[in-house]
Protein backbone atom coordinates (compact mmCIF):
# COMPACT_ATOMS: atom_id res chain seq x y z
CA MET A 1 -1.88 -0.07 -12.12
CA ARG A 2 -5.27 2.25 -12.98
CA GLU A 3 -6.22 -0.22 -16.05
CA ILE A 4 -5.87 -3.22 -13.28
CA GLU A 5 -7.78 -1.93 -10.79
CA LYS A 6 -10.60 -1.01 -13.69
CA LEU A 7 -10.87 -5.08 -14.01
CA TYR A 8 -11.27 -6.00 -10.80
CA SER A 9 -13.52 -4.47 -8.26
CA PRO A 10 -12.73 -6.07 -4.53
CA LYS A 11 -13.31 -4.09 -1.36
CA ARG A 12 -9.67 -3.52 -1.05
CA TYR A 13 -6.59 -3.94 -2.57
CA GLU A 14 -3.11 -4.31 -1.14
CA LEU A 15 0.29 -4.21 -2.38
CA PHE A 16 3.71 -4.73 -0.56
CA VAL A 17 7.15 -2.81 -1.04
CA GLY A 18 10.57 -2.06 0.34
CA SER A 19 10.95 0.73 2.38
CA LYS A 20 13.90 2.07 0.25
CA SER A 21 11.57 1.82 -3.44
CA TYR A 22 11.04 5.59 -2.80
CA LYS A 23 9.89 6.02 -6.35
CA ASN A 24 7.59 3.03 -5.97
CA ILE A 25 6.07 4.51 -2.56
CA ARG A 26 5.66 7.53 -3.77
CA LEU A 27 3.64 6.61 -7.41
CA TYR A 28 1.06 4.22 -5.05
CA GLN A 29 0.58 6.88 -2.66
CA LYS A 30 -0.57 9.11 -5.81
CA LEU A 31 -2.93 6.40 -6.49
CA GLY A 32 -4.45 6.52 -3.11
CA TYR A 33 -2.38 3.64 -1.43
CA ASN A 34 -1.62 3.78 2.41
CA VAL A 35 1.16 2.43 4.41
CA TYR A 36 -1.15 0.27 7.08
CA LYS A 37 1.57 -2.29 8.37
CA ILE A 38 5.46 -2.37 8.09
CA ASP A 39 7.68 -5.78 9.05
CA GLN A 40 11.23 -5.93 9.85
CA TYR A 41 13.36 -9.00 8.20
CA GLY A 42 16.57 -10.18 10.33
CA CYS A 43 18.29 -10.29 7.17
CA GLU A 44 20.23 -7.13 6.57
CA ASN A 45 18.22 -4.93 7.76
CA ILE A 46 15.04 -5.38 5.40
CA GLU A 47 11.95 -3.64 5.52
CA ILE A 48 8.78 -3.84 4.10
CA PHE A 49 5.45 -1.66 3.99
CA TYR A 50 2.26 -3.22 3.26
CA MET A 51 0.22 -0.46 1.04
CA GLU A 52 -3.57 -0.86 0.70
CA LYS A 53 -6.66 1.21 -1.22
CA PHE A 54 -10.44 0.60 -0.37
CA HIS A 55 -12.21 0.61 -3.39
CA LYS A 56 -14.72 3.57 -3.79
CA ASN A 57 -18.37 2.97 -1.90
CA ARG A 58 -17.26 -1.25 -1.34
CA GLY A 59 -14.89 -0.96 1.55
CA GLU A 60 -14.53 0.97 4.84
CA ARG A 61 -11.50 2.41 5.73
CA HIS A 62 -9.55 1.63 8.97
CA GLU A 63 -6.88 3.02 10.81
CA THR A 64 -3.17 3.16 9.33
CA GLN A 65 0.06 2.15 11.34
CA GLY A 66 1.06 6.06 10.05
CA GLY A 67 2.04 6.70 6.88
CA TYR A 68 4.85 7.44 4.99
CA SER A 69 6.41 11.02 4.68
């Protein structure tokens, strides 16, 4: 992930992950990503976490809808 981030310099990186992908969520949090949006889908109660990370010195951090603990 860090190697990919080195190739680009946007103001903000964004990804999404299933809420039950605990190991992936923890990994992304360790890399500096925060949950900013949660969507639910009716089929089988699927919940998706949208995560973001701001590029150092490029973007401004905005309030999240709470973190994932």
